[in-house]
Amino acid sequence: MSEQGANDRQRIEELETRLTFQEQALVELSDALAAARADIALHEAALRRVVEELKSARGSGVSVDPADEPPPPHY
């Protein structure tokens, strides 16, 4: 095999190795993105529940503002 052929083969192997690592990194990033999206969806649902609870607490006459609370008995 000529020197040029050996260099080409070495270069191809290096490119194949890089491609393999890039493919693996892409899979890992995709998995991380999917997990982050799932976390965001859970947090959004929890936030919606909290907002609804606050709205219903306001509607029931319960104050959610600490300034509206009467002072503790020891004052």
N, C-alpha and C. Protein backbone atom coordinates (compact mmCIF):
# COMPACT_ATOMS: atom_id res chain seq x y z
N MET A 1 0.86 -1.18 0.00
CA MET A 1 0.00 0.00 0.00
C MET A 1 0.90 1.23 0.00
N SER A 2 0.54 2.21 -0.79
CA SER A 2 1.35 3.42 -0.87
C SER A 2 1.18 4.28 0.37
N GLU A 3 2.10 5.22 0.53
CA GLU A 3 2.03 6.12 1.69
C GLU A 3 0.74 6.94 1.65
N GLN A 4 0.34 7.37 0.46
CA GLN A 4 -0.90 8.15 0.33
C GLN A 4 -2.11 7.29 0.70
N GLY A 5 -2.10 6.04 0.29
CA GLY A 5 -3.20 5.13 0.63
C GLY A 5 -3.28 4.89 2.12
N ALA A 6 -2.14 4.76 2.78
CA ALA A 6 -2.11 4.55 4.23
C ALA A 6 -2.61 5.80 4.94
N ASN A 7 -2.22 6.97 4.46
CA ASN A 7 -2.69 8.22 5.06
C ASN A 7 -4.20 8.38 4.88
N ASP A 8 -4.68 8.03 3.70
CA ASP A 8 -6.13 8.11 3.45
C ASP A 8 -6.89 7.17 4.37
N ARG A 9 -6.38 5.96 4.50
CA ARG A 9 -7.04 4.98 5.37
C ARG A 9 -7.05 5.47 6.82
N GLN A 10 -5.92 6.00 7.28
CA GLN A 10 -5.84 6.52 8.64
C GLN A 10 -6.82 7.68 8.82
N ARG A 11 -6.89 8.55 7.83
CA ARG A 11 -7.81 9.69 7.90
C ARG A 11 -9.26 9.23 7.93
N ILE A 12 -9.58 8.25 7.12
CA ILE A 12 -10.95 7.71 7.10
C ILE A 12 -11.30 7.10 8.46
N GLU A 13 -10.39 6.35 9.04
CA GLU A 13 -10.63 5.75 10.35
C GLU A 13 -10.84 6.82 11.42
N GLU A 14 -10.05 7.90 11.34
CA GLU A 14 -10.20 8.99 12.30
C GLU A 14 -11.57 9.66 12.13
N LEU A 15 -11.98 9.87 10.89
CA LEU A 15 -13.29 10.48 10.64
C LEU A 15 -14.43 9.57 11.10
N GLU A 16 -14.28 8.27 10.89
CA GLU A 16 -15.29 7.32 11.35
C GLU A 16 -15.38 7.33 12.88
N THR A 17 -14.24 7.42 13.54
CA THR A 17 -14.22 7.48 15.01
C THR A 17 -14.91 8.75 15.49
N ARG A 18 -14.59 9.88 14.87
CA ARG A 18 -15.24 11.14 15.24
C ARG A 18 -16.75 11.06 15.03
N LEU A 19 -17.16 10.48 13.91
CA LEU A 19 -18.58 10.35 13.61
C LEU A 19 -19.27 9.50 14.67
N THR A 20 -18.64 8.43 15.09
CA THR A 20 -19.21 7.57 16.12
C THR A 20 -19.41 8.34 17.43
N PHE A 21 -18.39 9.11 17.83
CA PHE A 21 -18.51 9.91 19.05
C PHE A 21 -19.60 10.97 18.91
N GLN A 22 -19.68 11.60 17.75
CA GLN A 22 -20.70 12.62 17.53
C GLN A 22 -22.10 12.02 17.56
N GLU A 23 -22.26 10.84 16.99
CA GLU A 23 -23.56 10.17 17.02
C GLU A 23 -23.96 9.85 18.47
N GLN A 24 -22.99 9.37 19.26
CA GLN A 24 -23.27 9.07 20.66
C GLN A 24 -23.62 10.34 21.43
N ALA A 25 -22.90 11.42 21.17
CA ALA A 25 -23.19 12.69 21.83
C ALA A 25 -24.58 13.18 21.45
N LEU A 26 -24.96 13.01 20.20
CA LEU A 26 -26.28 13.42 19.75
C LEU A 26 -27.38 12.63 20.45
N VAL A 27 -27.18 11.34 20.63
CA VAL A 27 -28.15 10.51 21.35
C VAL A 27 -28.26 10.98 22.80
N GLU A 28 -27.13 11.23 23.44
CA GLU A 28 -27.13 11.69 24.84
C GLU A 28 -27.82 13.04 24.98
N LEU A 29 -27.54 13.95 24.05
CA LEU A 29 -28.20 15.27 24.09
C LEU A 29 -29.69 15.15 23.85
N SER A 30 -30.08 14.28 22.95
CA SER A 30 -31.49 14.07 22.68
C SER A 30 -32.20 13.52 23.91
N ASP A 31 -31.57 12.57 24.58
CA ASP A 31 -32.15 12.01 25.80
C ASP A 31 -32.26 13.07 26.90
N ALA A 32 -31.22 13.89 27.02
CA ALA A 32 -31.24 14.95 28.03
C ALA A 32 -32.34 15.97 27.72
N LEU A 33 -32.52 16.29 26.46
CA LEU A 33 -33.57 17.23 26.07
C LEU A 33 -34.95 16.65 26.36
N ALA A 34 -35.14 15.39 26.08
CA ALA A 34 -36.43 14.74 26.36
C ALA A 34 -36.70 14.75 27.87
N ALA A 35 -35.69 14.48 28.67
CA ALA A 35 -35.86 14.49 30.13
C ALA A 35 -36.18 15.90 30.62
N ALA A 36 -35.50 16.89 30.07
CA ALA A 36 -35.76 18.28 30.47
C ALA A 36 -37.18 18.69 30.10
N ARG A 37 -37.64 18.29 28.93
CA ARG A 37 -39.01 18.61 28.52
C ARG A 37 -40.03 17.95 29.44
N ALA A 38 -39.75 16.73 29.85
CA ALA A 38 -40.65 16.04 30.79
C ALA A 38 -40.68 16.77 32.13
N ASP A 39 -39.51 17.20 32.61
CA ASP A 39 -39.45 17.96 33.86
C ASP A 39 -40.23 19.27 33.75
N ILE A 40 -40.07 19.95 32.63
CA ILE A 40 -40.79 21.21 32.41
C ILE A 40 -42.29 20.97 32.43
N ALA A 41 -42.74 19.91 31.79
CA ALA A 41 -44.16 19.60 31.77
C ALA A 41 -44.69 19.35 33.19
N LEU A 42 -43.91 18.63 34.01
CA LEU A 42 -44.32 18.39 35.40
C LEU A 42 -44.39 19.69 36.18
N HIS A 43 -43.39 20.54 36.00
CA HIS A 43 -43.36 21.82 36.72
C HIS A 43 -44.50 22.74 36.27
N GLU A 44 -44.79 22.72 34.98
CA GLU A 44 -45.91 23.54 34.50
C GLU A 44 -47.23 23.07 35.10
N ALA A 45 -47.41 21.76 35.19
CA ALA A 45 -48.64 21.22 35.77
C ALA A 45 -48.74 21.60 37.25
N ALA A 46 -47.63 21.49 37.97
CA ALA A 46 -47.63 21.84 39.38
C ALA A 46 -47.92 23.33 39.56
N LEU A 47 -47.34 24.15 38.72
CA LEU A 47 -47.58 25.59 38.80
C LEU A 47 -49.04 25.93 38.52
N ARG A 48 -49.62 25.25 37.54
CA ARG A 48 -51.05 25.47 37.25
C ARG A 48 -51.91 25.11 38.46
N ARG A 49 -51.57 23.99 39.12
CA ARG A 49 -52.34 23.59 40.30
C ARG A 49 -52.22 24.64 41.41
N VAL A 50 -51.02 25.15 41.63
CA VAL A 50 -50.82 26.17 42.66
C VAL A 50 -51.60 27.43 42.33
N VAL A 51 -51.57 27.84 41.08
CA VAL A 51 -52.32 29.04 40.67
C VAL A 51 -53.82 28.82 40.89
N GLU A 52 -54.31 27.65 40.53
CA GLU A 52 -55.73 27.36 40.72
C GLU A 52 -56.09 27.34 42.21
N GLU A 53 -55.21 26.78 43.04
CA GLU A 53 -55.46 26.77 44.49
C GLU A 53 -55.48 28.19 45.04
N LEU A 54 -54.58 29.03 44.57
CA LEU A 54 -54.58 30.43 45.01
C LEU A 54 -55.86 31.15 44.58
N LYS A 55 -56.28 30.89 43.35
CA LYS A 55 -57.51 31.51 42.87
C LYS A 55 -58.71 31.06 43.69
N SER A 56 -58.76 29.78 43.99
CA SER A 56 -59.90 29.28 44.77
C SER A 56 -59.82 29.77 46.21
N ALA A 57 -58.61 29.94 46.75
CA ALA A 57 -58.47 30.47 48.11
C ALA A 57 -58.94 31.92 48.16
N ARG A 58 -58.63 32.68 47.16
CA ARG A 58 -59.09 34.07 47.11
C ARG A 58 -60.61 34.13 47.01
N GLY A 59 -61.18 33.23 46.25
CA GLY A 59 -62.63 33.20 46.06
C GLY A 59 -63.37 32.74 47.31
N SER A 60 -62.70 32.01 48.18
CA SER A 60 -63.36 31.48 49.38
C SER A 60 -63.25 32.43 50.56
N GLY A 61 -62.68 33.59 50.34
CA GLY A 61 -62.55 34.56 51.43
C GLY A 61 -61.30 34.39 52.25
N VAL A 62 -60.50 33.42 51.93
CA VAL A 62 -59.23 33.21 52.63
C VAL A 62 -58.21 34.15 52.01
N SER A 63 -57.54 34.90 52.83
CA SER A 63 -56.55 35.85 52.33
C SER A 63 -55.23 35.15 52.08
N VAL A 64 -54.63 35.46 50.95
CA VAL A 64 -53.31 34.90 50.65
C VAL A 64 -52.22 35.94 50.87
N ASP A 65 -52.62 37.16 51.25
CA ASP A 65 -51.66 38.23 51.52
C ASP A 65 -51.38 38.27 53.02
N PRO A 66 -50.15 38.06 53.45
CA PRO A 66 -49.84 38.07 54.88
C PRO A 66 -50.20 39.41 55.55
N ALA A 67 -50.22 40.50 54.81
CA ALA A 67 -50.56 41.80 55.40
C ALA A 67 -52.02 41.84 55.84
N ASP A 68 -52.87 41.00 55.24
CA ASP A 68 -54.28 40.95 55.59
C ASP A 68 -54.55 40.12 56.84
N GLU A 69 -53.54 39.40 57.30
CA GLU A 69 -53.70 38.53 58.47
C GLU A 69 -53.80 39.39 59.75
N PRO A 70 -54.60 38.99 60.69
CA PRO A 70 -54.62 39.72 61.97
C PRO A 70 -53.31 39.46 62.71
N PRO A 71 -52.91 40.39 63.59
CA PRO A 71 -51.65 40.17 64.31
C PRO A 71 -51.79 38.99 65.26
N PRO A 72 -50.69 38.35 65.58
CA PRO A 72 -50.73 37.22 66.53
C PRO A 72 -51.22 37.72 67.90
N PRO A 73 -51.71 36.83 68.75
CA PRO A 73 -52.28 37.21 70.04
C PRO A 73 -51.32 37.93 70.97
N HIS A 74 -50.04 37.73 70.86
CA HIS A 74 -49.12 38.35 71.80
C HIS A 74 -48.80 39.82 71.47
N TYR A 75 -49.44 40.39 70.45
CA TYR A 75 -49.20 41.80 70.12
C TYR A 75 -50.21 42.68 70.78
